[in-house]
Amino acid sequence: MSDYWARVRQRAAELGSDGCSVVADFYLDACLEHDIHYRTHRRLDGTPITKAEADALFRQRIQERSCLGRFSPMSWWRWAAVALFGGSAWGEATPVPALVTSTSTAS
């Protein structure tokens, strides 16, 4: 597992992610990353992300791991589900501040 995906798993655990929610945990890392985006409205590095970007990246992550690539049916139906029905989850989320990666001292 790369350092990036280890950090995704750590941050998802901090946020109380449930993984792939109501479907099987195929492509768990993609689900965890997507949960981070929905709960914080930010990428792991702290830059803002829109719902459309988060959903498209979710589809892309599944496609990257599928032997069918862009033609993965699972990537498309999971993307359609979050794109069509994820609005309430996105809207209900209270964006969590980005992780502070460095410390500063007060003067």
PDB file of N, CA and C in Angstrom:
ATOM      1  N   MET A   1       0.855  -1.175   0.000  1.00  0.00           N
ATOM      2  CA  MET A   1       0.000   0.000   0.000  1.00  0.00           C
ATOM      3  C   MET A   1       0.899   1.236   0.000  1.00  0.00           C
ATOM      4  N   SER A   2       0.567   2.174  -0.865  1.00  0.00           N
ATOM      5  CA  SER A   2       1.378   3.392  -0.931  1.00  0.00           C
ATOM      6  C   SER A   2       1.113   4.281   0.284  1.00  0.00           C
ATOM      7  N   ASP A   3       2.013   5.221   0.478  1.00  0.00           N
ATOM      8  CA  ASP A   3       1.879   6.168   1.584  1.00  0.00           C
ATOM      9  C   ASP A   3       0.566   6.940   1.470  1.00  0.00           C
ATOM     10  N   TYR A   4       0.184   7.313   0.252  1.00  0.00           N
ATOM     11  CA  TYR A   4      -1.059   8.061   0.060  1.00  0.00           C
ATOM     12  C   TYR A   4      -2.249   7.264   0.588  1.00  0.00           C
ATOM     13  N   TRP A   5      -2.328   6.003   0.202  1.00  0.00           N
ATOM     14  CA  TRP A   5      -3.487   5.196   0.601  1.00  0.00           C
ATOM     15  C   TRP A   5      -3.456   4.874   2.092  1.00  0.00           C
ATOM     16  N   ALA A   6      -2.275   4.801   2.678  1.00  0.00           N
ATOM     17  CA  ALA A   6      -2.180   4.636   4.133  1.00  0.00           C
ATOM     18  C   ALA A   6      -2.744   5.874   4.827  1.00  0.00           C
ATOM     19  N   ARG A   7      -2.436   7.058   4.292  1.00  0.00           N
ATOM     20  CA  ARG A   7      -2.968   8.296   4.861  1.00  0.00           C
ATOM     21  C   ARG A   7      -4.480   8.399   4.655  1.00  0.00           C
ATOM     22  N   VAL A   8      -4.971   7.913   3.515  1.00  0.00           N
ATOM     23  CA  VAL A   8      -6.419   7.882   3.276  1.00  0.00           C
ATOM     24  C   VAL A   8      -7.089   7.026   4.349  1.00  0.00           C
ATOM     25  N   ARG A   9      -6.538   5.836   4.589  1.00  0.00           N
ATOM     26  CA  ARG A   9      -7.137   4.952   5.595  1.00  0.00           C
ATOM     27  C   ARG A   9      -7.102   5.578   6.986  1.00  0.00           C
ATOM     28  N   GLN A  10      -6.011   6.233   7.314  1.00  0.00           N
ATOM     29  CA  GLN A  10      -5.891   6.865   8.625  1.00  0.00           C
ATOM     30  C   GLN A  10      -6.905   8.001   8.779  1.00  0.00           C
ATOM     31  N   ARG A  11      -6.995   8.882   7.772  1.00  0.00           N
ATOM     32  CA  ARG A  11      -7.919  10.016   7.851  1.00  0.00           C
ATOM     33  C   ARG A  11      -9.364   9.535   7.855  1.00  0.00           C
ATOM     34  N   ALA A  12      -9.678   8.520   7.072  1.00  0.00           N
ATOM     35  CA  ALA A  12     -11.034   7.980   7.043  1.00  0.00           C
ATOM     36  C   ALA A  12     -11.420   7.420   8.416  1.00  0.00           C
ATOM     37  N   ALA A  13     -10.480   6.755   9.065  1.00  0.00           N
ATOM     38  CA  ALA A  13     -10.746   6.231  10.408  1.00  0.00           C
ATOM     39  C   ALA A  13     -10.998   7.372  11.393  1.00  0.00           C
ATOM     40  N   GLU A  14     -10.219   8.436  11.284  1.00  0.00           N
ATOM     41  CA  GLU A  14     -10.413   9.604  12.155  1.00  0.00           C
ATOM     42  C   GLU A  14     -11.793  10.212  11.980  1.00  0.00           C
ATOM     43  N   LEU A  15     -12.305  10.158  10.750  1.00  0.00           N
ATOM     44  CA  LEU A  15     -13.610  10.742  10.450  1.00  0.00           C
ATOM     45  C   LEU A  15     -14.763   9.769  10.698  1.00  0.00           C
ATOM     46  N   GLY A  16     -14.443   8.529  11.046  1.00  0.00           N
ATOM     47  CA  GLY A  16     -15.477   7.531  11.300  1.00  0.00           C
ATOM     48  C   GLY A  16     -16.132   6.994  10.043  1.00  0.00           C
ATOM     49  N   SER A  17     -15.369   6.905   8.962  1.00  0.00           N
ATOM     50  CA  SER A  17     -15.894   6.403   7.701  1.00  0.00           C
ATOM     51  C   SER A  17     -16.382   4.974   7.847  1.00  0.00           C
ATOM     52  N   ASP A  18     -17.477   4.669   7.154  1.00  0.00           N
ATOM     53  CA  ASP A  18     -18.001   3.302   7.158  1.00  0.00           C
ATOM     54  C   ASP A  18     -17.630   2.552   5.886  1.00  0.00           C
ATOM     55  N   GLY A  19     -16.690   3.068   5.139  1.00  0.00           N
ATOM     56  CA  GLY A  19     -16.251   2.379   3.926  1.00  0.00           C
ATOM     57  C   GLY A  19     -17.239   2.573   2.793  1.00  0.00           C
ATOM     58  N   CYS A  20     -17.730   1.492   2.255  1.00  0.00           N
ATOM     59  CA  CYS A  20     -18.611   1.565   1.089  1.00  0.00           C
ATOM     60  C   CYS A  20     -20.093   1.577   1.457  1.00  0.00           C
ATOM     61  N   SER A  21     -20.405   1.972   2.665  1.00  0.00           N
ATOM     62  CA  SER A  21     -21.787   2.140   3.140  1.00  0.00           C
ATOM     63  C   SER A  21     -22.640   0.907   2.902  1.00  0.00           C
ATOM     64  N   VAL A  22     -23.628   0.995   2.027  1.00  0.00           N
ATOM     65  CA  VAL A  22     -24.621  -0.076   1.893  1.00  0.00           C
ATOM     66  C   VAL A  22     -24.287  -1.106   0.810  1.00  0.00           C
ATOM     67  N   VAL A  23     -23.093  -1.045   0.239  1.00  0.00           N
ATOM     68  CA  VAL A  23     -22.682  -2.024  -0.770  1.00  0.00           C
ATOM     69  C   VAL A  23     -21.411  -2.729  -0.299  1.00  0.00           C
ATOM     70  N   ALA A  24     -21.075  -3.802  -0.966  1.00  0.00           N
ATOM     71  CA  ALA A  24     -19.876  -4.563  -0.606  1.00  0.00           C
ATOM     72  C   ALA A  24     -18.630  -3.680  -0.699  1.00  0.00           C
ATOM     73  N   ASP A  25     -17.648  -3.969   0.140  1.00  0.00           N
ATOM     74  CA  ASP A  25     -16.431  -3.161   0.215  1.00  0.00           C
ATOM     75  C   ASP A  25     -15.429  -3.483  -0.892  1.00  0.00           C
ATOM     76  N   PHE A  26     -15.927  -3.715  -2.116  1.00  0.00           N
ATOM     77  CA  PHE A  26     -15.016  -3.805  -3.255  1.00  0.00           C
ATOM     78  C   PHE A  26     -14.475  -2.394  -3.463  1.00  0.00           C
ATOM     79  N   TYR A  27     -13.210  -2.269  -3.737  1.00  0.00           N
ATOM     80  CA  TYR A  27     -12.596  -0.962  -3.958  1.00  0.00           C
ATOM     81  C   TYR A  27     -12.717  -0.082  -2.713  1.00  0.00           C
ATOM     82  N   LEU A  28     -12.409  -0.679  -1.563  1.00  0.00           N
ATOM     83  CA  LEU A  28     -12.557   0.002  -0.277  1.00  0.00           C
ATOM     84  C   LEU A  28     -11.808   1.329  -0.226  1.00  0.00           C
ATOM     85  N   ASP A  29     -10.576   1.364  -0.721  1.00  0.00           N
ATOM     86  CA  ASP A  29      -9.814   2.617  -0.659  1.00  0.00           C
ATOM     87  C   ASP A  29     -10.516   3.740  -1.414  1.00  0.00           C
ATOM     88  N   ALA A  30     -11.131   3.420  -2.548  1.00  0.00           N
ATOM     89  CA  ALA A  30     -11.870   4.430  -3.303  1.00  0.00           C
ATOM     90  C   ALA A  30     -13.043   4.961  -2.479  1.00  0.00           C
ATOM     91  N   CYS A  31     -13.715   4.056  -1.764  1.00  0.00           N
ATOM     92  CA  CYS A  31     -14.833   4.465  -0.908  1.00  0.00           C
ATOM     93  C   CYS A  31     -14.355   5.335   0.246  1.00  0.00           C
ATOM     94  N   LEU A  32     -13.240   4.964   0.841  1.00  0.00           N
ATOM     95  CA  LEU A  32     -12.710   5.750   1.956  1.00  0.00           C
ATOM     96  C   LEU A  32     -12.325   7.150   1.504  1.00  0.00           C
ATOM     97  N   GLU A  33     -11.651   7.229   0.357  1.00  0.00           N
ATOM     98  CA  GLU A  33     -11.260   8.535  -0.176  1.00  0.00           C
ATOM     99  C   GLU A  33     -12.505   9.370  -0.469  1.00  0.00           C
ATOM    100  N   HIS A  34     -13.520   8.750  -1.048  1.00  0.00           N
ATOM    101  CA  HIS A  34     -14.767   9.441  -1.360  1.00  0.00           C
ATOM    102  C   HIS A  34     -15.448   9.936  -0.084  1.00  0.00           C
ATOM    103  N   ASP A  35     -15.422   9.135   0.966  1.00  0.00           N
ATOM    104  CA  ASP A  35     -15.983   9.565   2.254  1.00  0.00           C
ATOM    105  C   ASP A  35     -15.256  10.798   2.789  1.00  0.00           C
ATOM    106  N   ILE A  36     -13.941  10.815   2.657  1.00  0.00           N
ATOM    107  CA  ILE A  36     -13.172  11.989   3.099  1.00  0.00           C
ATOM    108  C   ILE A  36     -13.644  13.223   2.333  1.00  0.00           C
ATOM    109  N   HIS A  37     -13.791  13.088   1.032  1.00  0.00           N
ATOM    110  CA  HIS A  37     -14.231  14.219   0.213  1.00  0.00           C
ATOM    111  C   HIS A  37     -15.612  14.695   0.640  1.00  0.00           C
ATOM    112  N   TYR A  38     -16.517  13.776   0.873  1.00  0.00           N
ATOM    113  CA  TYR A  38     -17.883  14.155   1.252  1.00  0.00           C
ATOM    114  C   TYR A  38     -17.943  14.766   2.650  1.00  0.00           C
ATOM    115  N   ARG A  39     -17.136  14.258   3.551  1.00  0.00           N
ATOM    116  CA  ARG A  39     -17.208  14.755   4.933  1.00  0.00           C
ATOM    117  C   ARG A  39     -16.445  16.051   5.151  1.00  0.00           C
ATOM    118  N   THR A  40     -15.455  16.307   4.323  1.00  0.00           N
ATOM    119  CA  THR A  40     -14.638  17.502   4.538  1.00  0.00           C
ATOM    120  C   THR A  40     -14.768  18.541   3.427  1.00  0.00           C
ATOM    121  N   HIS A  41     -15.281  18.118   2.268  1.00  0.00           N
ATOM    122  CA  HIS A  41     -15.346  18.956   1.062  1.00  0.00           C
ATOM    123  C   HIS A  41     -13.933  19.362   0.630  1.00  0.00           C
ATOM    124  N   ARG A  42     -12.978  18.491   0.967  1.00  0.00           N
ATOM    125  CA  ARG A  42     -11.575  18.742   0.613  1.00  0.00           C
ATOM    126  C   ARG A  42     -10.911  17.439   0.179  1.00  0.00           C
ATOM    127  N   ARG A  43      -9.846  17.600  -0.600  1.00  0.00           N
ATOM    128  CA  ARG A  43      -8.986  16.466  -0.934  1.00  0.00           C
ATOM    129  C   ARG A  43      -8.123  16.175   0.286  1.00  0.00           C
ATOM    130  N   LEU A  44      -7.409  15.080   0.258  1.00  0.00           N
ATOM    131  CA  LEU A  44      -6.557  14.711   1.386  1.00  0.00           C
ATOM    132  C   LEU A  44      -5.505  15.779   1.674  1.00  0.00           C
ATOM    133  N   ASP A  45      -5.042  16.463   0.631  1.00  0.00           N
ATOM    134  CA  ASP A  45      -4.026  17.502   0.826  1.00  0.00           C
ATOM    135  C   ASP A  45      -4.605  18.826   1.323  1.00  0.00           C
ATOM    136  N   GLY A  46      -5.926  18.879   1.489  1.00  0.00           N
ATOM    137  CA  GLY A  46      -6.572  20.061   2.030  1.00  0.00           C
ATOM    138  C   GLY A  46      -7.154  21.013   1.003  1.00  0.00           C
ATOM    139  N   THR A  47      -6.919  20.763  -0.281  1.00  0.00           N
ATOM    140  CA  THR A  47      -7.486  21.641  -1.299  1.00  0.00           C
ATOM    141  C   THR A  47      -8.979  21.347  -1.456  1.00  0.00           C
ATOM    142  N   PRO A  48      -9.783  22.368  -1.724  1.00  0.00           N
ATOM    143  CA  PRO A  48     -11.231  22.169  -1.870  1.00  0.00           C
ATOM    144  C   PRO A  48     -11.564  21.250  -3.042  1.00  0.00           C
ATOM    145  N   ILE A  49     -12.679  20.553  -2.913  1.00  0.00           N
ATOM    146  CA  ILE A  49     -13.163  19.681  -3.979  1.00  0.00           C
ATOM    147  C   ILE A  49     -14.678  19.832  -4.053  1.00  0.00           C
ATOM    148  N   THR A  50     -15.218  19.846  -5.265  1.00  0.00           N
ATOM    149  CA  THR A  50     -16.662  19.931  -5.443  1.00  0.00           C
ATOM    150  C   THR A  50     -17.252  18.524  -5.402  1.00  0.00           C
ATOM    151  N   LYS A  51     -18.549  18.446  -5.256  1.00  0.00           N
ATOM    152  CA  LYS A  51     -19.222  17.144  -5.270  1.00  0.00           C
ATOM    153  C   LYS A  51     -18.993  16.444  -6.603  1.00  0.00           C
ATOM    154  N   ALA A  52     -19.138  17.187  -7.703  1.00  0.00           N
ATOM    155  CA  ALA A  52     -18.936  16.593  -9.028  1.00  0.00           C
ATOM    156  C   ALA A  52     -17.516  16.049  -9.179  1.00  0.00           C
ATOM    157  N   GLU A  53     -16.523  16.788  -8.687  1.00  0.00           N
ATOM    158  CA  GLU A  53     -15.137  16.321  -8.755  1.00  0.00           C
ATOM    159  C   GLU A  53     -14.943  15.076  -7.891  1.00  0.00           C
ATOM    160  N   ALA A  54     -15.525  15.087  -6.692  1.00  0.00           N
ATOM    161  CA  ALA A  54     -15.394  13.938  -5.782  1.00  0.00           C
ATOM    162  C   ALA A  54     -16.010  12.693  -6.410  1.00  0.00           C
ATOM    163  N   ASP A  55     -17.179  12.859  -7.023  1.00  0.00           N
ATOM    164  CA  ASP A  55     -17.858  11.718  -7.644  1.00  0.00           C
ATOM    165  C   ASP A  55     -17.086  11.196  -8.851  1.00  0.00           C
ATOM    166  N   ALA A  56     -16.556  12.100  -9.669  1.00  0.00           N
ATOM    167  CA  ALA A  56     -15.769  11.689 -10.842  1.00  0.00           C
ATOM    168  C   ALA A  56     -14.486  10.988 -10.423  1.00  0.00           C
ATOM    169  N   LEU A  57     -13.843  11.489  -9.377  1.00  0.00           N
ATOM    170  CA  LEU A  57     -12.615  10.854  -8.894  1.00  0.00           C
ATOM    171  C   LEU A  57     -12.919   9.477  -8.325  1.00  0.00           C
ATOM    172  N   PHE A  58     -14.052   9.315  -7.665  1.00  0.00           N
ATOM    173  CA  PHE A  58     -14.486   8.010  -7.150  1.00  0.00           C
ATOM    174  C   PHE A  58     -14.597   7.005  -8.302  1.00  0.00           C
ATOM    175  N   ARG A  59     -15.264   7.410  -9.387  1.00  0.00           N
ATOM    176  CA  ARG A  59     -15.388   6.538 -10.567  1.00  0.00           C
ATOM    177  C   ARG A  59     -14.010   6.202 -11.136  1.00  0.00           C
ATOM    178  N   GLN A  60     -13.150   7.213 -11.231  1.00  0.00           N
ATOM    179  CA  GLN A  60     -11.805   7.012 -11.775  1.00  0.00           C
ATOM    180  C   GLN A  60     -11.007   6.028 -10.926  1.00  0.00           C
ATOM    181  N   ARG A  61     -11.082   6.150  -9.605  1.00  0.00           N
ATOM    182  CA  ARG A  61     -10.331   5.248  -8.721  1.00  0.00           C
ATOM    183  C   ARG A  61     -10.762   3.806  -8.912  1.00  0.00           C
ATOM    184  N   ILE A  62     -12.066   3.582  -9.052  1.00  0.00           N
ATOM    185  CA  ILE A  62     -12.545   2.219  -9.280  1.00  0.00           C
ATOM    186  C   ILE A  62     -12.032   1.717 -10.622  1.00  0.00           C
ATOM    187  N   GLN A  63     -12.089   2.560 -11.637  1.00  0.00           N
ATOM    188  CA  GLN A  63     -11.614   2.171 -12.969  1.00  0.00           C
ATOM    189  C   GLN A  63     -10.131   1.848 -12.971  1.00  0.00           C
ATOM    190  N   GLU A  64      -9.340   2.581 -12.199  1.00  0.00           N
ATOM    191  CA  GLU A  64      -7.899   2.331 -12.125  1.00  0.00           C
ATOM    192  C   GLU A  64      -7.597   0.949 -11.565  1.00  0.00           C
ATOM    193  N   ARG A  65      -8.475   0.436 -10.717  1.00  0.00           N
ATOM    194  CA  ARG A  65      -8.246  -0.845 -10.065  1.00  0.00           C
ATOM    195  C   ARG A  65      -8.955  -2.013 -10.743  1.00  0.00           C
ATOM    196  N   SER A  66      -9.838  -1.719 -11.663  1.00  0.00           N
ATOM    197  CA  SER A  66     -10.610  -2.751 -12.335  1.00  0.00           C
ATOM    198  C   SER A  66      -9.860  -3.278 -13.555  1.00  0.00           C
ATOM    199  N   CYS A  67      -9.978  -4.569 -13.784  1.00  0.00           N
ATOM    200  CA  CYS A  67      -9.363  -5.142 -14.993  1.00  0.00           C
ATOM    201  C   CYS A  67     -10.074  -4.653 -16.256  1.00  0.00           C
ATOM    202  N   LEU A  68     -11.269  -4.102 -16.103  1.00  0.00           N
ATOM    203  CA  LEU A  68     -12.020  -3.586 -17.241  1.00  0.00           C
ATOM    204  C   LEU A  68     -11.768  -2.101 -17.492  1.00  0.00           C
ATOM    205  N   GLY A  69     -10.989  -1.482 -16.598  1.00  0.00           N
ATOM    206  CA  GLY A  69     -10.648  -0.074 -16.770  1.00  0.00           C
ATOM    207  C   GLY A  69     -11.861   0.822 -16.881  1.00  0.00           C
ATOM    208  N   ARG A  70     -11.855   1.713 -17.881  1.00  0.00           N
ATOM    209  CA  ARG A  70     -12.952   2.664 -18.073  1.00  0.00           C
ATOM    210  C   ARG A  70     -14.290   2.000 -18.319  1.00  0.00           C
ATOM    211  N   PHE A  71     -14.258   0.735 -18.698  1.00  0.00           N
ATOM    212  CA  PHE A  71     -15.489   0.032 -19.034  1.00  0.00           C
ATOM    213  C   PHE A  71     -16.055  -0.749 -17.851  1.00  0.00           C
ATOM    214  N   SER A  72     -15.512  -0.535 -16.676  1.00  0.00           N
ATOM    215  CA  SER A  72     -15.984  -1.217 -15.476  1.00  0.00           C
ATOM    216  C   SER A  72     -17.434  -0.844 -15.185  1.00  0.00           C
ATOM    217  N   PRO A  73     -18.351  -1.809 -15.265  1.00  0.00           N
ATOM    218  CA  PRO A  73     -19.752  -1.484 -14.954  1.00  0.00           C
ATOM    219  C   PRO A  73     -19.919  -0.989 -13.512  1.00  0.00           C
ATOM    220  N   MET A  74     -19.156  -1.569 -12.592  1.00  0.00           N
ATOM    221  CA  MET A  74     -19.276  -1.167 -11.198  1.00  0.00           C
ATOM    222  C   MET A  74     -18.906   0.308 -11.020  1.00  0.00           C
ATOM    223  N   SER A  75     -17.879   0.767 -11.733  1.00  0.00           N
ATOM    224  CA  SER A  75     -17.483   2.170 -11.597  1.00  0.00           C
ATOM    225  C   SER A  75     -18.608   3.084 -12.049  1.00  0.00           C
ATOM    226  N   TRP A  76     -19.279   2.685 -13.110  1.00  0.00           N
ATOM    227  CA  TRP A  76     -20.335   3.539 -13.647  1.00  0.00           C
ATOM    228  C   TRP A  76     -21.589   3.491 -12.783  1.00  0.00           C
ATOM    229  N   TRP A  77     -22.010   2.337 -12.291  1.00  0.00           N
ATOM    230  CA  TRP A  77     -23.233   2.340 -11.483  1.00  0.00           C
ATOM    231  C   TRP A  77     -22.994   2.942 -10.109  1.00  0.00           C
ATOM    232  N   ARG A  78     -21.798   2.766  -9.546  1.00  0.00           N
ATOM    233  CA  ARG A  78     -21.530   3.427  -8.261  1.00  0.00           C
ATOM    234  C   ARG A  78     -21.430   4.939  -8.443  1.00  0.00           C
ATOM    235  N   TRP A  79     -20.822   5.380  -9.531  1.00  0.00           N
ATOM    236  CA  TRP A  79     -20.762   6.809  -9.819  1.00  0.00           C
ATOM    237  C   TRP A  79     -22.169   7.371  -9.996  1.00  0.00           C
ATOM    238  N   ALA A  80     -23.009   6.669 -10.756  1.00  0.00           N
ATOM    239  CA  ALA A  80     -24.378   7.140 -10.971  1.00  0.00           C
ATOM    240  C   ALA A  80     -25.129   7.242  -9.649  1.00  0.00           C
ATOM    241  N   ALA A  81     -24.927   6.277  -8.771  1.00  0.00           N
ATOM    242  CA  ALA A  81     -25.620   6.289  -7.477  1.00  0.00           C
ATOM    243  C   ALA A  81     -25.219   7.508  -6.646  1.00  0.00           C
ATOM    244  N   VAL A  82     -23.917   7.775  -6.546  1.00  0.00           N
ATOM    245  CA  VAL A  82     -23.497   8.927  -5.731  1.00  0.00           C
ATOM    246  C   VAL A  82     -23.836  10.242  -6.425  1.00  0.00           C
ATOM    247  N   ALA A  83     -23.738  10.268  -7.754  1.00  0.00           N
ATOM    248  CA  ALA A  83     -24.050  11.496  -8.486  1.00  0.00           C
ATOM    249  C   ALA A  83     -25.539  11.842  -8.362  1.00  0.00           C
ATOM    250  N   LEU A  84     -26.382  10.830  -8.434  1.00  0.00           N
ATOM    251  CA  LEU A  84     -27.828  11.069  -8.384  1.00  0.00           C
ATOM    252  C   LEU A  84     -28.380  11.179  -6.971  1.00  0.00           C
ATOM    253  N   PHE A  85     -27.854  10.374  -6.059  1.00  0.00           N
ATOM    254  CA  PHE A  85     -28.465  10.279  -4.736  1.00  0.00           C
ATOM    255  C   PHE A  85     -27.568  10.753  -3.595  1.00  0.00           C
ATOM    256  N   GLY A  86     -26.376  11.217  -3.896  1.00  0.00           N
ATOM    257  CA  GLY A  86     -25.452  11.639  -2.842  1.00  0.00           C
ATOM    258  C   GLY A  86     -25.584  13.080  -2.411  1.00  0.00           C
ATOM    259  N   GLY A  87     -26.485  13.809  -3.025  1.00  0.00           N
ATOM    260  CA  GLY A  87     -26.638  15.227  -2.730  1.00  0.00           C
ATOM    261  C   GLY A  87     -26.955  15.517  -1.282  1.00  0.00           C
ATOM    262  N   SER A  88     -27.814  14.702  -0.687  1.00  0.00           N
ATOM    263  CA  SER A  88     -28.172  14.962   0.715  1.00  0.00           C
ATOM    264  C   SER A  88     -26.979  14.703   1.628  1.00  0.00           C
ATOM    265  N   ALA A  89     -26.201  13.663   1.326  1.00  0.00           N
ATOM    266  CA  ALA A  89     -25.014  13.386   2.150  1.00  0.00           C
ATOM    267  C   ALA A  89     -23.996  14.509   2.011  1.00  0.00           C
ATOM    268  N   TRP A  90     -23.820  15.026   0.812  1.00  0.00           N
ATOM    269  CA  TRP A  90     -22.893  16.132   0.591  1.00  0.00           C
ATOM    270  C   TRP A  90     -23.391  17.381   1.311  1.00  0.00           C
ATOM    271  N   GLY A  91     -24.680  17.671   1.167  1.00  0.00           N
ATOM    272  CA  GLY A  91     -25.245  18.869   1.757  1.00  0.00           C
ATOM    273  C   GLY A  91     -25.343  18.834   3.272  1.00  0.00           C
ATOM    274  N   GLU A  92     -25.523  17.634   3.840  1.00  0.00           N
ATOM    275  CA  GLU A  92     -25.639  17.500   5.294  1.00  0.00           C
ATOM    276  C   GLU A  92     -24.292  17.541   5.985  1.00  0.00           C
ATOM    277  N   ALA A  93     -23.245  17.281   5.238  1.00  0.00           N
ATOM    278  CA  ALA A  93     -21.914  17.247   5.848  1.00  0.00           C
ATOM    279  C   ALA A  93     -21.517  18.633   6.327  1.00  0.00           C
ATOM    280  N   THR A  94     -20.935  18.670   7.480  1.00  0.00           N
ATOM    281  CA  THR A  94     -20.338  19.900   7.976  1.00  0.00           C
ATOM    282  C   THR A  94     -18.872  19.820   7.618  1.00  0.00           C
ATOM    283  N   PRO A  95     -18.419  20.635   6.678  1.00  0.00           N
ATOM    284  CA  PRO A  95     -17.022  20.523   6.267  1.00  0.00           C
ATOM    285  C   PRO A  95     -16.078  20.600   7.464  1.00  0.00           C
ATOM    286  N   VAL A  96     -15.207  19.619   7.518  1.00  0.00           N
ATOM    287  CA  VAL A  96     -14.222  19.522   8.585  1.00  0.00           C
ATOM    288  C   VAL A  96     -12.989  20.271   8.141  1.00  0.00           C
ATOM    289  N   PRO A  97     -12.381  21.070   9.012  1.00  0.00           N
ATOM    290  CA  PRO A  97     -11.156  21.786   8.609  1.00  0.00           C
ATOM    291  C   PRO A  97     -10.101  20.809   8.089  1.00  0.00           C
ATOM    292  N   ALA A  98      -9.320  21.275   7.163  1.00  0.00           N
ATOM    293  CA  ALA A  98      -8.230  20.464   6.624  1.00  0.00           C
ATOM    294  C   ALA A  98      -7.240  20.143   7.735  1.00  0.00           C
ATOM    295  N   LEU A  99      -6.556  19.043   7.564  1.00  0.00           N
ATOM    296  CA  LEU A  99      -5.520  18.684   8.509  1.00  0.00           C
ATOM    297  C   LEU A  99      -4.410  19.705   8.466  1.00  0.00           C
ATOM    298  N   VAL A 100      -3.912  20.055   9.587  1.00  0.00           N
ATOM    299  CA  VAL A 100      -2.758  20.955   9.648  1.00  0.00           C
ATOM    300  C   VAL A 100      -1.526  20.087   9.600  1.00  0.00           C
ATOM    301  N   THR A 101      -0.709  20.291   8.597  1.00  0.00           N
ATOM    302  CA  THR A 101       0.452  19.431   8.414  1.00  0.00           C
ATOM    303  C   THR A 101       1.716  19.980   9.053  1.00  0.00           C
ATOM    304  N   SER A 102       1.666  21.226   9.484  1.00  0.00           N
ATOM    305  CA  SER A 102       2.828  21.776  10.177  1.00  0.00           C
ATOM    306  C   SER A 102       2.328  22.543  11.393  1.00  0.00           C
ATOM    307  N   THR A 103       3.168  22.696  12.339  1.00  0.00           N
ATOM    308  CA  THR A 103       2.773  23.422  13.545  1.00  0.00           C
ATOM    309  C   THR A 103       3.371  24.815  13.516  1.00  0.00           C
ATOM    310  N   SER A 104       2.652  25.713  14.113  1.00  0.00           N
ATOM    311  CA  SER A 104       3.187  27.083  14.207  1.00  0.00           C
ATOM    312  C   SER A 104       3.191  27.473  15.677  1.00  0.00           C
ATOM    313  N   THR A 105       4.042  28.398  15.992  1.00  0.00           N
ATOM    314  CA  THR A 105       4.115  28.858  17.375  1.00  0.00           C
ATOM    315  C   THR A 105       3.553  30.253  17.466  1.00  0.00           C
ATOM    316  N   ALA A 106       2.826  30.488  18.529  1.00  0.00           N
ATOM    317  CA  ALA A 106       2.257  31.832  18.729  1.00  0.00           C
ATOM    318  C   ALA A 106       3.357  32.763  19.245  1.00  0.00           C
ATOM    319  N   SER A 107       3.329  33.991  18.772  1.00  0.00           N
ATOM    320  CA  SER A 107       4.339  34.936  19.238  1.00  0.00           C
ATOM    321  C   SER A 107       3.758  35.874  20.254  1.00  0.00           C
TER     322      SER A 107
END
